[in-house]
Amino acid sequence: MTPITVKSGILLMLCCITAIAGVGSVFELSSGEPELGSLTTGIILAGSLPLTAVLFWAAVQDTKANQQK
């Protein structure tokens, strides 16, 4: 069994939250009139995509580091 630490769990939780924000932003932008405005929604989308990737990568790296212990 792979040891998952609290740090890995928190990173994965944040990864899921940012991924949901990205998907929600896409739906809001495709609806025509986003509730927060196009600029704000676009900024959320632009920030959530790389942040999701970085958080996922960090969670995987933490899990790999704990496997070697």
N, C-alpha and C. Protein backbone atom coordinates (compact mmCIF):
# COMPACT_ATOMS: atom_id res chain seq x y z
N MET A 1 0.85 -1.18 0.00
CA MET A 1 0.00 0.00 0.00
C MET A 1 0.89 1.24 0.00
N THR A 2 0.51 2.21 -0.77
CA THR A 2 1.27 3.44 -0.89
C THR A 2 0.99 4.33 0.32
N PRO A 3 2.05 4.78 1.00
CA PRO A 3 1.82 5.67 2.14
C PRO A 3 1.45 7.08 1.67
N ILE A 4 0.26 7.51 2.05
CA ILE A 4 -0.18 8.85 1.70
C ILE A 4 -0.14 9.68 2.98
N THR A 5 0.59 10.76 2.93
CA THR A 5 0.73 11.61 4.11
C THR A 5 -0.34 12.69 4.11
N VAL A 6 -0.42 13.40 5.20
CA VAL A 6 -1.36 14.52 5.30
C VAL A 6 -1.01 15.57 4.25
N LYS A 7 0.27 15.80 4.04
CA LYS A 7 0.71 16.78 3.05
C LYS A 7 0.22 16.39 1.66
N SER A 8 0.37 15.12 1.29
CA SER A 8 -0.11 14.66 -0.02
C SER A 8 -1.62 14.83 -0.15
N GLY A 9 -2.34 14.51 0.92
CA GLY A 9 -3.79 14.65 0.91
C GLY A 9 -4.24 16.08 0.74
N ILE A 10 -3.57 16.99 1.42
CA ILE A 10 -3.92 18.41 1.30
C ILE A 10 -3.60 18.91 -0.10
N LEU A 11 -2.46 18.50 -0.64
CA LEU A 11 -2.11 18.91 -2.00
C LEU A 11 -3.13 18.39 -3.02
N LEU A 12 -3.56 17.15 -2.85
CA LEU A 12 -4.57 16.59 -3.76
C LEU A 12 -5.92 17.29 -3.61
N MET A 13 -6.27 17.64 -2.37
CA MET A 13 -7.53 18.36 -2.14
C MET A 13 -7.50 19.72 -2.84
N LEU A 14 -6.39 20.44 -2.67
CA LEU A 14 -6.25 21.74 -3.33
C LEU A 14 -6.24 21.59 -4.86
N CYS A 15 -5.63 20.51 -5.33
CA CYS A 15 -5.60 20.22 -6.77
C CYS A 15 -7.03 20.05 -7.29
N CYS A 16 -7.84 19.31 -6.55
CA CYS A 16 -9.23 19.09 -6.96
C CYS A 16 -10.01 20.40 -6.96
N ILE A 17 -9.79 21.23 -5.96
CA ILE A 17 -10.51 22.52 -5.88
C ILE A 17 -10.15 23.41 -7.06
N THR A 18 -8.85 23.48 -7.39
CA THR A 18 -8.45 24.34 -8.52
C THR A 18 -8.94 23.76 -9.85
N ALA A 19 -9.00 22.44 -9.96
CA ALA A 19 -9.52 21.83 -11.19
C ALA A 19 -11.00 22.13 -11.35
N ILE A 20 -11.75 22.06 -10.25
CA ILE A 20 -13.18 22.38 -10.30
C ILE A 20 -13.38 23.86 -10.66
N ALA A 21 -12.53 24.73 -10.12
CA ALA A 21 -12.63 26.16 -10.46
C ALA A 21 -12.36 26.37 -11.95
N GLY A 22 -11.40 25.64 -12.51
CA GLY A 22 -11.11 25.76 -13.94
C GLY A 22 -12.27 25.30 -14.80
N VAL A 23 -12.85 24.16 -14.45
CA VAL A 23 -13.99 23.63 -15.22
C VAL A 23 -15.18 24.58 -15.09
N GLY A 24 -15.41 25.07 -13.89
CA GLY A 24 -16.52 26.02 -13.70
C GLY A 24 -16.32 27.28 -14.50
N SER A 25 -15.08 27.73 -14.59
CA SER A 25 -14.78 28.94 -15.37
C SER A 25 -15.06 28.72 -16.85
N VAL A 26 -14.72 27.54 -17.35
CA VAL A 26 -14.99 27.23 -18.76
C VAL A 26 -16.49 27.26 -19.02
N PHE A 27 -17.27 26.65 -18.12
CA PHE A 27 -18.72 26.66 -18.29
C PHE A 27 -19.28 28.08 -18.21
N GLU A 28 -18.78 28.86 -17.27
CA GLU A 28 -19.24 30.25 -17.14
C GLU A 28 -18.93 31.06 -18.40
N LEU A 29 -17.71 30.91 -18.92
CA LEU A 29 -17.34 31.66 -20.12
C LEU A 29 -18.14 31.21 -21.34
N SER A 30 -18.45 29.92 -21.40
CA SER A 30 -19.20 29.43 -22.56
C SER A 30 -20.69 29.78 -22.49
N SER A 31 -21.15 30.17 -21.30
CA SER A 31 -22.57 30.53 -21.17
C SER A 31 -22.89 31.88 -21.79
N GLY A 32 -21.89 32.70 -22.00
CA GLY A 32 -22.13 33.99 -22.62
C GLY A 32 -21.95 35.16 -21.68
N GLU A 33 -22.53 35.07 -20.49
CA GLU A 33 -22.41 36.15 -19.51
C GLU A 33 -22.04 35.59 -18.15
N PRO A 34 -20.74 35.50 -17.85
CA PRO A 34 -20.32 34.97 -16.55
C PRO A 34 -20.77 35.88 -15.41
N GLU A 35 -21.11 35.28 -14.28
CA GLU A 35 -21.59 36.04 -13.12
C GLU A 35 -20.54 37.01 -12.60
N LEU A 36 -19.27 36.61 -12.65
CA LEU A 36 -18.21 37.47 -12.13
C LEU A 36 -17.61 38.38 -13.21
N GLY A 37 -18.10 38.28 -14.41
CA GLY A 37 -17.55 39.05 -15.53
C GLY A 37 -16.52 38.23 -16.28
N SER A 38 -16.33 38.56 -17.52
CA SER A 38 -15.42 37.78 -18.37
C SER A 38 -13.97 37.91 -17.92
N LEU A 39 -13.56 39.08 -17.52
CA LEU A 39 -12.17 39.29 -17.12
C LEU A 39 -11.83 38.49 -15.86
N THR A 40 -12.66 38.61 -14.84
CA THR A 40 -12.41 37.89 -13.59
C THR A 40 -12.45 36.38 -13.81
N THR A 41 -13.42 35.90 -14.56
CA THR A 41 -13.54 34.47 -14.83
C THR A 41 -12.35 33.98 -15.64
N GLY A 42 -11.90 34.79 -16.59
CA GLY A 42 -10.72 34.43 -17.38
C GLY A 42 -9.46 34.36 -16.53
N ILE A 43 -9.34 35.27 -15.57
CA ILE A 43 -8.19 35.25 -14.67
C ILE A 43 -8.22 34.00 -13.80
N ILE A 44 -9.41 33.64 -13.31
CA ILE A 44 -9.54 32.42 -12.50
C ILE A 44 -9.15 31.21 -13.33
N LEU A 45 -9.61 31.16 -14.57
CA LEU A 45 -9.27 30.04 -15.45
C LEU A 45 -7.78 29.99 -15.73
N ALA A 46 -7.19 31.13 -16.06
CA ALA A 46 -5.76 31.18 -16.37
C ALA A 46 -4.90 30.81 -15.16
N GLY A 47 -5.36 31.13 -13.97
CA GLY A 47 -4.59 30.78 -12.77
C GLY A 47 -4.80 29.35 -12.31
N SER A 48 -6.01 28.84 -12.52
CA SER A 48 -6.32 27.51 -12.00
C SER A 48 -5.66 26.38 -12.80
N LEU A 49 -5.47 26.58 -14.09
CA LEU A 49 -4.89 25.50 -14.90
C LEU A 49 -3.45 25.19 -14.51
N PRO A 50 -2.54 26.16 -14.47
CA PRO A 50 -1.18 25.81 -14.06
C PRO A 50 -1.09 25.42 -12.58
N LEU A 51 -1.93 26.03 -11.74
CA LEU A 51 -1.90 25.70 -10.32
C LEU A 51 -2.35 24.25 -10.09
N THR A 52 -3.33 23.79 -10.85
CA THR A 52 -3.77 22.40 -10.75
C THR A 52 -2.62 21.45 -11.09
N ALA A 53 -1.91 21.74 -12.17
CA ALA A 53 -0.79 20.90 -12.58
C ALA A 53 0.33 20.90 -11.55
N VAL A 54 0.65 22.06 -11.01
CA VAL A 54 1.73 22.16 -10.02
C VAL A 54 1.36 21.42 -8.74
N LEU A 55 0.13 21.58 -8.28
CA LEU A 55 -0.30 20.90 -7.06
C LEU A 55 -0.32 19.39 -7.24
N PHE A 56 -0.76 18.91 -8.39
CA PHE A 56 -0.77 17.47 -8.65
C PHE A 56 0.66 16.94 -8.68
N TRP A 57 1.54 17.67 -9.36
CA TRP A 57 2.95 17.26 -9.44
C TRP A 57 3.56 17.20 -8.04
N ALA A 58 3.27 18.20 -7.21
CA ALA A 58 3.82 18.23 -5.85
C ALA A 58 3.30 17.06 -5.02
N ALA A 59 2.03 16.71 -5.18
CA ALA A 59 1.47 15.58 -4.44
C ALA A 59 2.13 14.28 -4.87
N VAL A 60 2.35 14.12 -6.15
CA VAL A 60 3.01 12.90 -6.65
C VAL A 60 4.45 12.83 -6.15
N GLN A 61 5.15 13.96 -6.16
CA GLN A 61 6.53 13.97 -5.68
C GLN A 61 6.61 13.65 -4.19
N ASP A 62 5.66 14.15 -3.41
CA ASP A 62 5.64 13.86 -1.99
C ASP A 62 5.37 12.37 -1.74
N THR A 63 4.46 11.80 -2.50
CA THR A 63 4.15 10.38 -2.36
C THR A 63 5.36 9.53 -2.76
N LYS A 64 6.03 9.90 -3.84
CA LYS A 64 7.24 9.17 -4.25
C LYS A 64 8.31 9.23 -3.18
N ALA A 65 8.48 10.39 -2.56
CA ALA A 65 9.48 10.56 -1.52
C ALA A 65 9.17 9.69 -0.31
N ASN A 66 7.90 9.51 -0.01
CA ASN A 66 7.50 8.70 1.13
C ASN A 66 7.57 7.21 0.84
N GLN A 67 7.55 6.81 -0.41
CA GLN A 67 7.69 5.40 -0.78
C GLN A 67 9.11 4.92 -0.52
N GLN A 68 10.06 5.79 -0.64
CA GLN A 68 11.46 5.41 -0.51
C GLN A 68 11.88 5.29 0.95
N LYS A 69 11.04 5.70 1.87
CA LYS A 69 11.39 5.64 3.29
C LYS A 69 11.15 4.26 3.85
